[in-house]
Amino acid sequence: MQMEAGAQPASGAESPMPPIDPKYPDLPATKWYEYGFKEGLPRLLDMFDRRQVKVTSHMVGAAVDQHPEVAKEIVQRGHEASGHGQAWTPEYSMTPEEERSAYLQSIRSIERATGTRPFGFNAFWLRGTPRTLEILQELGFIYHIDDISRDEPFLIDVKGKPFAVVPYTLHMNDIVNYEKRYFSTNEYAADLKNEFDQLYDEAATRRRMMSVSAHDRIAGRPSRAKVLEDFIGYAQQHQGVVFMRKLEIARFALESPSVIHEGRLVQPHSGV
């Protein structure tokens, strides 16, 4: 569950509105984003409470600074606050000094509002730099989600130390499906079910994980929140299925000898 509303630039941020010359403020797009913290996040939080599911919330530091009470409530309801940069500045365009400074600001913004610090990270559209993981590790992060090459958590080495990867999703992402592909809620619901069914069948013989991305201003709309709740209810009917925050998954990966460690041989594993 991404907390981003309010961190977007005054003009030029993605929205359903036609493009506007960036020298003018995009007033209706701003209101479209405001829906995220006014309606979207409260609706999603209530839905997760009903389903008794705890999630990871990737928070943009600037959004947290503008709406600290919302960030605090997310954590108070049992969800994880994870890093998503300090502003809508692509990490790939940053110098090492700028990158480190942005992550430190993000940590401080989240700590100030929620009383907790982030241990996970999601770059702007997954595009970090060749230095990102080293900087994150030095700052105390233990996982990132920007490697989408597997359907299960795994480990990589960063400067000789294990670092967890809890894969993100693009094809189960509400932005991609609703805003890029213009899926209807019924089409997205069918994709969620089909993805789950296939992974659940595979989980009989190997570890499987399914990731679903919900953004405050998109999945928080009434019809879309209902689709997500219906899917969660469907998945919960299946034996052995658990919903976990990404920090829990990362710690499991770091502690389990059977988790894939890229570049190393591991013991074979089976099951969820």
Protein backbone atom coordinates (compact mmCIF):
# COMPACT_ATOMS: atom_id res chain seq x y z
CA MET A 1 0.00 0.00 0.00
CA GLN A 2 1.82 3.06 -1.28
CA MET A 3 1.52 6.38 0.57
CA GLU A 4 2.43 8.99 -2.02
CA ALA A 5 -0.29 11.66 -2.19
CA GLY A 6 1.06 15.16 -1.66
CA ALA A 7 4.63 14.37 -2.67
CA GLN A 8 3.99 14.79 -6.40
CA PRO A 9 5.21 17.94 -8.20
CA ALA A 10 2.80 20.82 -8.73
CA SER A 11 2.70 20.00 -12.44
CA GLY A 12 3.79 17.08 -14.58
CA ALA A 13 2.79 14.18 -12.31
CA GLU A 14 0.97 11.26 -13.90
CA SER A 15 -2.81 11.58 -13.72
CA PRO A 16 -5.92 10.90 -15.84
CA MET A 17 -5.87 14.56 -16.95
CA PRO A 18 -4.50 15.55 -20.38
CA PRO A 19 -0.86 16.72 -20.24
CA ILE A 20 -0.33 20.35 -19.29
CA ASP A 21 2.58 22.70 -19.92
CA PRO A 22 4.71 22.21 -16.77
CA LYS A 23 5.04 25.98 -16.31
CA TYR A 24 1.40 25.98 -15.12
CA PRO A 25 0.19 24.36 -11.88
CA ASP A 26 -1.98 21.32 -12.58
CA LEU A 27 -4.82 22.06 -10.15
CA PRO A 28 -7.20 19.16 -10.97
CA ALA A 29 -4.34 16.65 -10.87
CA THR A 30 -3.47 17.93 -7.40
CA LYS A 31 -7.02 17.23 -6.27
CA TRP A 32 -6.86 13.78 -7.86
CA TYR A 33 -3.84 13.01 -5.70
CA GLU A 34 -5.47 14.47 -2.59
CA TYR A 35 -8.09 11.73 -2.85
CA GLY A 36 -5.36 9.36 -1.73
CA PHE A 37 -5.05 10.66 1.82
CA LYS A 38 -8.61 11.97 2.17
CA GLU A 39 -10.45 8.85 1.01
CA GLY A 40 -8.18 6.15 -0.38
CA LEU A 41 -5.97 5.36 2.60
CA PRO A 42 -8.80 5.46 5.18
CA ARG A 43 -10.88 3.11 2.99
CA LEU A 44 -7.99 0.68 2.48
CA LEU A 45 -7.08 0.72 6.18
CA ASP A 46 -10.66 -0.13 7.15
CA MET A 47 -10.75 -2.90 4.56
CA PHE A 48 -7.50 -4.44 5.80
CA ASP A 49 -8.87 -4.33 9.34
CA ARG A 50 -11.99 -6.22 8.25
CA ARG A 51 -9.87 -8.89 6.55
CA GLN A 52 -7.36 -8.93 9.45
CA VAL A 53 -4.46 -8.37 7.05
CA LYS A 54 -1.31 -6.38 7.78
CA VAL A 55 0.58 -4.90 4.84
CA THR A 56 3.67 -2.92 3.96
CA SER A 57 3.21 0.77 3.18
CA HIS A 58 5.93 2.32 1.04
CA MET A 59 5.93 5.96 2.12
CA VAL A 60 7.36 8.94 0.26
CA GLY A 61 8.99 11.12 2.89
CA ALA A 62 7.46 14.35 1.58
CA ALA A 63 3.98 12.80 1.79
CA VAL A 64 4.68 11.75 5.37
CA ASP A 65 5.83 15.27 6.24
CA GLN A 66 2.58 16.71 4.89
CA HIS A 67 0.31 14.13 6.50
CA PRO A 68 2.12 12.73 9.55
CA GLU A 69 -1.15 11.77 11.25
CA VAL A 70 -2.00 9.44 8.36
CA ALA A 71 1.44 7.79 8.43
CA LYS A 72 1.14 7.38 12.20
CA GLU A 73 -2.29 5.74 11.88
CA ILE A 74 -0.98 3.29 9.30
CA VAL A 75 1.67 2.06 11.75
CA GLN A 76 -0.71 2.14 14.73
CA ARG A 77 -3.00 -0.22 12.84
CA GLY A 78 -0.15 -2.72 12.58
CA HIS A 79 1.22 -2.04 9.13
CA GLU A 80 4.87 -1.62 8.18
CA ALA A 81 6.31 1.75 7.15
CA SER A 82 8.86 1.22 4.40
CA GLY A 83 11.02 3.63 2.41
CA HIS A 84 9.97 5.05 -0.95
CA GLY A 85 12.37 7.96 -1.25
CA GLN A 86 11.98 11.48 0.08
CA ALA A 87 10.50 13.12 -3.01
CA TRP A 88 9.42 12.32 -6.56
CA THR A 89 12.97 12.62 -7.82
CA PRO A 90 14.19 9.57 -9.77
CA GLU A 91 17.05 7.92 -7.89
CA TYR A 92 18.85 7.08 -11.14
CA SER A 93 19.47 10.80 -11.73
CA MET A 94 21.13 11.37 -8.33
CA THR A 95 24.76 11.60 -7.34
CA PRO A 96 25.86 9.26 -4.52
CA GLU A 97 25.73 12.17 -2.09
CA GLU A 98 22.22 13.17 -3.17
CA GLU A 99 21.04 9.58 -2.95
CA ARG A 100 22.37 9.05 0.56
CA SER A 101 20.95 12.38 1.73
CA ALA A 102 17.51 11.55 0.31
CA TYR A 103 17.39 8.19 2.10
CA LEU A 104 18.47 9.76 5.38
CA GLN A 105 15.74 12.39 5.04
CA SER A 106 13.22 9.65 4.34
CA ILE A 107 14.25 7.71 7.44
CA ARG A 108 13.93 10.83 9.59
CA SER A 109 10.52 11.77 8.15
CA ILE A 110 9.10 8.31 8.82
CA GLU A 111 10.67 8.08 12.29
CA ARG A 112 9.35 11.50 13.24
CA ALA A 113 5.78 10.67 12.24
CA THR A 114 5.48 7.00 13.16
CA GLY A 115 8.11 6.25 15.80
CA THR A 116 9.51 3.49 13.57
CA ARG A 117 12.25 3.46 10.96
CA PRO A 118 12.06 1.83 7.52
CA PHE A 119 14.08 -1.31 6.81
CA GLY A 120 12.86 -1.83 3.25
CA PHE A 121 13.06 0.30 0.14
CA ASN A 122 11.27 0.87 -3.17
CA ALA A 123 12.88 3.21 -5.73
CA PHE A 124 10.95 5.56 -7.99
CA TRP A 125 9.59 3.20 -10.68
CA LEU A 126 12.12 0.61 -9.43
CA ARG A 127 15.01 2.53 -11.02
CA GLY A 128 17.81 2.88 -8.51
CA THR A 129 21.50 3.32 -9.29
CA PRO A 130 24.47 0.92 -9.26
CA ARG A 131 25.18 2.30 -5.76
CA THR A 132 21.68 2.08 -4.28
CA LEU A 133 21.99 -1.24 -2.48
CA GLU A 134 25.35 -0.41 -0.94
CA ILE A 135 24.01 2.90 0.37
CA LEU A 136 20.87 1.22 1.72
CA GLN A 137 22.87 -1.47 3.49
CA GLU A 138 25.19 1.10 5.05
CA LEU A 139 22.11 2.97 6.36
CA GLY A 140 20.67 -0.12 8.03
CA PHE A 141 18.16 -1.29 5.44
CA ILE A 142 17.87 -5.08 5.10
CA TYR A 143 15.77 -5.50 1.95
CA HIS A 144 14.57 -3.90 -1.25
CA ILE A 145 11.77 -4.81 -3.65
CA ASP A 146 12.98 -3.49 -7.01
CA ASP A 147 14.19 -6.82 -8.43
CA ILE A 148 11.15 -8.44 -10.08
CA SER A 149 12.96 -11.49 -11.45
CA ARG A 150 11.39 -14.13 -9.15
CA ASP A 151 8.08 -15.18 -7.61
CA GLU A 152 9.63 -15.77 -4.19
CA PRO A 153 11.92 -13.95 -1.77
CA PHE A 154 15.65 -14.47 -2.24
CA LEU A 155 19.04 -13.20 -1.15
CA ILE A 156 21.85 -11.42 -2.94
CA ASP A 157 25.28 -10.34 -1.71
CA VAL A 158 25.99 -6.67 -1.16
CA LYS A 159 29.63 -6.04 -0.27
CA GLY A 160 29.92 -9.65 0.88
CA LYS A 161 26.84 -9.56 3.14
CA PRO A 162 23.38 -11.06 2.46
CA PHE A 163 20.68 -8.59 1.48
CA ALA A 164 17.06 -9.66 1.03
CA VAL A 165 14.92 -9.15 -2.05
CA VAL A 166 11.14 -9.25 -1.63
CA PRO A 167 9.99 -8.93 -5.25
CA TYR A 168 7.56 -6.18 -6.22
CA THR A 169 4.96 -6.53 -8.98
CA LEU A 170 4.16 -4.65 -12.16
CA HIS A 171 1.57 -6.94 -13.73
CA MET A 172 -0.46 -7.04 -10.48
CA ASN A 173 0.04 -3.30 -10.00
CA ASP A 174 -3.01 -1.05 -9.88
CA ILE A 175 -1.25 1.80 -11.72
CA VAL A 176 -0.24 -0.45 -14.61
CA ASN A 177 -3.59 -2.18 -14.92
CA TYR A 178 -6.05 0.62 -14.19
CA GLU A 179 -4.13 3.64 -15.47
CA LYS A 180 -1.97 2.20 -18.27
CA ARG A 181 -3.98 -0.74 -19.59
CA TYR A 182 -7.36 0.72 -18.63
CA PHE A 183 -8.55 -2.54 -17.08
CA SER A 184 -12.07 -2.69 -15.71
CA THR A 185 -12.46 -3.86 -12.13
CA ASN A 186 -13.75 -7.20 -13.47
CA GLU A 187 -10.66 -7.66 -15.64
CA TYR A 188 -8.33 -6.88 -12.73
CA ALA A 189 -10.29 -9.20 -10.44
CA ALA A 190 -9.90 -12.03 -12.95
CA ASP A 191 -6.15 -11.41 -13.24
CA LEU A 192 -5.73 -11.48 -9.46
CA LYS A 193 -7.58 -14.79 -9.17
CA ASN A 194 -5.72 -16.40 -12.07
CA GLU A 195 -2.35 -15.31 -10.69
CA PHE A 196 -3.20 -16.68 -7.26
CA ASP A 197 -4.56 -19.98 -8.57
CA GLN A 198 -1.43 -20.69 -10.59
CA LEU A 199 0.96 -19.80 -7.77
CA TYR A 200 -1.10 -21.81 -5.26
CA ASP A 201 -0.84 -24.90 -7.47
CA GLU A 202 2.92 -24.41 -7.83
CA ALA A 203 3.29 -24.02 -4.07
CA ALA A 204 2.71 -27.75 -3.66
CA THR A 205 6.31 -28.30 -4.74
CA ARG A 206 8.13 -25.00 -4.34
CA ARG A 207 8.01 -21.76 -2.35
CA ARG A 208 5.72 -19.14 -3.92
CA MET A 209 4.87 -15.52 -3.12
CA MET A 210 2.30 -13.20 -4.67
CA SER A 211 2.66 -9.45 -4.52
CA VAL A 212 -0.19 -6.99 -5.14
CA SER A 213 0.39 -3.24 -5.38
CA ALA A 214 -2.26 -0.81 -4.12
CA HIS A 215 -1.75 2.96 -4.40
CA ASP A 216 -3.67 5.34 -2.18
CA ARG A 217 -5.31 7.32 -4.99
CA ILE A 218 -6.02 4.32 -7.27
CA ALA A 219 -6.86 1.12 -5.39
CA GLY A 220 -8.51 3.28 -2.72
CA ARG A 221 -11.47 4.06 -5.02
CA PRO A 222 -14.69 2.34 -3.90
CA SER A 223 -15.09 -0.23 -6.68
CA ARG A 224 -11.38 -1.03 -6.71
CA ALA A 225 -11.16 -1.44 -2.95
CA LYS A 226 -14.05 -3.90 -3.18
CA VAL A 227 -12.18 -5.92 -5.83
CA LEU A 228 -9.14 -6.09 -3.56
CA GLU A 229 -11.19 -7.11 -0.53
CA ASP A 230 -13.01 -9.80 -2.49
CA PHE A 231 -9.69 -11.18 -3.69
CA ILE A 232 -8.23 -11.25 -0.17
CA GLY A 233 -11.29 -13.12 1.03
CA TYR A 234 -10.91 -15.63 -1.80
CA ALA A 235 -7.23 -16.24 -1.01
CA GLN A 236 -7.95 -16.61 2.71
CA GLN A 237 -10.23 -19.55 1.96
CA HIS A 238 -7.22 -21.62 0.85
CA GLN A 239 -5.26 -23.70 3.34
CA GLY A 240 -1.70 -22.60 4.01
CA VAL A 241 -2.07 -19.06 2.68
CA VAL A 242 -0.65 -16.28 4.84
CA PHE A 243 -0.49 -12.50 4.38
CA MET A 244 2.77 -11.00 5.60
CA ARG A 245 4.44 -7.63 5.77
CA LYS A 246 7.55 -7.45 3.62
CA LEU A 247 9.80 -6.96 6.63
CA GLU A 248 8.60 -10.31 7.98
CA ILE A 249 9.31 -11.95 4.63
CA ALA A 250 12.77 -10.36 4.46
CA ARG A 251 13.68 -11.59 7.94
CA PHE A 252 12.46 -15.06 7.03
CA ALA A 253 14.65 -14.99 3.93
CA LEU A 254 17.70 -13.89 5.90
CA GLU A 255 17.19 -16.61 8.52
CA SER A 256 16.17 -19.58 6.35
CA PRO A 257 18.94 -21.82 4.95
CA SER A 258 16.63 -22.99 2.13
CA VAL A 259 15.98 -19.57 0.59
CA ILE A 260 17.60 -19.02 -2.80
CA HIS A 261 20.89 -17.15 -2.40
CA GLU A 262 21.94 -16.05 -5.85
CA GLY A 263 25.47 -17.15 -6.59
CA ARG A 264 25.47 -19.80 -3.85
CA LEU A 265 24.29 -23.40 -3.60
CA VAL A 266 21.41 -24.01 -1.17
CA GLN A 267 19.45 -26.99 0.05
CA PRO A 268 16.35 -27.76 -2.06
CA HIS A 269 13.06 -26.65 -0.54
CA SER A 270 9.41 -27.46 -1.08
CA GLY A 271 6.08 -26.03 -0.10
CA VAL A 272 5.05 -22.49 0.77
